[in-house]
C-alpha atoms as a PDB file:
ATOM      1  CA  MET A   1       3.834 -23.786  22.483  1.00  0.00           C
ATOM      2  CA  ARG A   2       2.128 -26.026  25.042  1.00  0.00           C
ATOM      3  CA  ALA A   3       5.264 -25.210  27.490  1.00  0.00           C
ATOM      4  CA  LEU A   4       5.406 -21.435  26.839  1.00  0.00           C
ATOM      5  CA  LEU A   5       1.860 -21.278  27.175  1.00  0.00           C
ATOM      6  CA  GLU A   6       2.236 -22.762  30.989  1.00  0.00           C
ATOM      7  CA  ILE A   7       4.792 -20.141  31.582  1.00  0.00           C
ATOM      8  CA  ALA A   8       2.262 -17.257  30.370  1.00  0.00           C
ATOM      9  CA  ALA A   9      -0.031 -18.927  32.858  1.00  0.00           C
ATOM     10  CA  LEU A  10       2.465 -18.843  35.601  1.00  0.00           C
ATOM     11  CA  VAL A  11       3.046 -15.277  34.668  1.00  0.00           C
ATOM     12  CA  ARG A  12      -0.785 -14.318  34.815  1.00  0.00           C
ATOM     13  CA  ALA A  13      -0.719 -15.677  38.098  1.00  0.00           C
ATOM     14  CA  ASP A  14       2.274 -14.286  39.528  1.00  0.00           C
ATOM     15  CA  GLY A  15       5.345 -13.761  37.825  1.00  0.00           C
ATOM     16  CA  ARG A  16       7.252 -15.317  40.593  1.00  0.00           C
ATOM     17  CA  LEU A  17       5.758 -18.403  40.036  1.00  0.00           C
ATOM     18  CA  VAL A  18       7.964 -19.220  36.913  1.00  0.00           C
ATOM     19  CA  SER A  19      10.198 -21.450  38.121  1.00  0.00           C
ATOM     20  CA  ASP A  20      13.507 -22.918  37.162  1.00  0.00           C
ATOM     21  CA  GLU A  21      11.934 -26.248  36.456  1.00  0.00           C
ATOM     22  CA  ALA A  22       9.140 -24.469  33.775  1.00  0.00           C
ATOM     23  CA  VAL A  23      11.654 -22.449  31.831  1.00  0.00           C
ATOM     24  CA  ALA A  24      13.715 -26.021  31.658  1.00  0.00           C
ATOM     25  CA  ALA A  25      10.724 -27.592  30.523  1.00  0.00           C
ATOM     26  CA  ALA A  26       9.994 -25.158  27.992  1.00  0.00           C
ATOM     27  CA  ARG A  27      13.581 -25.284  26.666  1.00  0.00           C
ATOM     28  CA  ALA A  28      13.096 -29.215  26.797  1.00  0.00           C
ATOM     29  CA  ALA A  29      10.719 -28.432  24.292  1.00  0.00           C
ATOM     30  CA  GLY A  30      12.400 -26.735  21.952  1.00  0.00           C
ATOM     31  CA  ALA A  31      11.931 -23.134  22.822  1.00  0.00           C
ATOM     32  CA  THR A  32      14.650 -20.699  22.881  1.00  0.00           C
ATOM     33  CA  ASP A  33      15.790 -18.197  25.480  1.00  0.00           C
ATOM     34  CA  ARG A  34      14.383 -15.487  23.265  1.00  0.00           C
ATOM     35  CA  GLU A  35      10.978 -17.223  23.310  1.00  0.00           C
ATOM     36  CA  ILE A  36      10.864 -17.622  26.482  1.00  0.00           C
ATOM     37  CA  HIS A  37      11.603 -14.156  27.414  1.00  0.00           C
ATOM     38  CA  ASP A  38       8.865 -12.818  24.532  1.00  0.00           C
ATOM     39  CA  THR A  39       6.551 -14.885  26.578  1.00  0.00           C
ATOM     40  CA  VAL A  40       6.873 -13.805  29.490  1.00  0.00           C
ATOM     41  CA  LEU A  41       7.090 -10.351  28.326  1.00  0.00           C
ATOM     42  CA  ILE A  42       3.685 -10.670  26.521  1.00  0.00           C
ATOM     43  CA  ALA A  43       1.936 -12.120  29.621  1.00  0.00           C
ATOM     44  CA  ALA A  44       3.403  -9.255  31.906  1.00  0.00           C
ATOM     45  CA  MET A  45       2.017  -6.440  29.264  1.00  0.00           C
ATOM     46  CA  PHE A  46      -1.043  -7.726  28.902  1.00  0.00           C
ATOM     47  CA  CYS A  47      -1.555  -8.102  32.668  1.00  0.00           C
ATOM     48  CA  MET A  48      -0.858  -4.425  33.304  1.00  0.00           C
ATOM     49  CA  PHE A  49      -3.294  -4.195  30.090  1.00  0.00           C
ATOM     50  CA  ASN A  50      -6.412  -5.746  32.087  1.00  0.00           C
ATOM     51  CA  ARG A  51      -4.720  -3.729  35.252  1.00  0.00           C
ATOM     52  CA  TYR A  52      -5.162  -0.393  33.938  1.00  0.00           C
ATOM     53  CA  VAL A  53      -8.172  -0.678  32.076  1.00  0.00           C
ATOM     54  CA  ASP A  54      -9.990  -2.076  35.184  1.00  0.00           C
ATOM     55  CA  GLY A  55      -8.402   0.242  37.343  1.00  0.00           C
ATOM     56  CA  LEU A  56      -9.788   2.848  35.157  1.00  0.00           C
ATOM     57  CA  ALA A  57     -13.643   1.060  34.923  1.00  0.00           C
ATOM     58  CA  ALA A  58     -12.829   1.616  31.140  1.00  0.00           C
ATOM     59  CA  PRO A  59     -16.362   0.325  29.096  1.00  0.00           C
ATOM     60  CA  LEU A  60     -16.330  -2.850  27.049  1.00  0.00           C
ATOM     61  CA  PRO A  61     -18.997  -3.112  24.455  1.00  0.00           C
ATOM     62  CA  GLY A  62     -22.208  -4.676  25.357  1.00  0.00           C
ATOM     63  CA  ASN A  63     -22.357  -7.040  22.064  1.00  0.00           C
ATOM     64  CA  PRO A  64     -19.570  -9.731  21.223  1.00  0.00           C
ATOM     65  CA  ALA A  65     -20.278  -8.920  17.809  1.00  0.00           C
ATOM     66  CA  GLN A  66     -17.838  -5.675  18.419  1.00  0.00           C
ATOM     67  CA  TYR A  67     -15.125  -7.623  19.404  1.00  0.00           C
ATOM     68  CA  ALA A  68     -15.251  -9.428  16.016  1.00  0.00           C
ATOM     69  CA  MET A  69     -15.794  -6.459  13.945  1.00  0.00           C
ATOM     70  CA  SER A  70     -12.838  -4.491  15.921  1.00  0.00           C
ATOM     71  CA  ALA A  71     -10.937  -7.908  14.529  1.00  0.00           C
ATOM     72  CA  ALA A  72     -11.561  -7.225  11.624  1.00  0.00           C
ATOM     73  CA  HIS A  73     -10.955  -4.086  11.036  1.00  0.00           C
ATOM     74  CA  LEU A  74      -7.394  -4.272  12.945  1.00  0.00           C
ATOM     75  CA  ILE A  75      -6.382  -7.502  10.268  1.00  0.00           C
ATOM     76  CA  GLU A  76      -7.741  -4.908   7.321  1.00  0.00           C
ATOM     77  CA  HIS A  77      -6.400  -1.738   8.584  1.00  0.00           C
ATOM     78  CA  GLY A  78      -3.701  -2.205  11.461  1.00  0.00           C
ATOM     79  CA  TYR A  79      -3.319  -0.207  14.614  1.00  0.00           C
ATOM     80  CA  GLN A  80      -3.134   3.160  11.952  1.00  0.00           C
ATOM     81  CA  ILE A  81      -5.957   5.971  12.650  1.00  0.00           C
ATOM     82  CA  PRO A  82      -7.306   6.277   9.086  1.00  0.00           C
ATOM     83  CA  ARG A  83      -6.740   9.238   7.298  1.00  0.00           C
END
């Protein structure tokens, strides 16, 4: 997990920083090619989502407790809109 998080941190900074050495370290730690691929994909997607939200100047909750309430709702209901 630590080696995959290192790769995710490299992607966050600049995807071109993901080196052969970082990939080799993840493989040596037991990560599969699919897990490495998924790590890069997920990190890149979150970077894109964050830039999208920032670029639109989307409003964020002022109260941090709202994040916990949203998380509880997602755990219970997922991303489906209630009917």
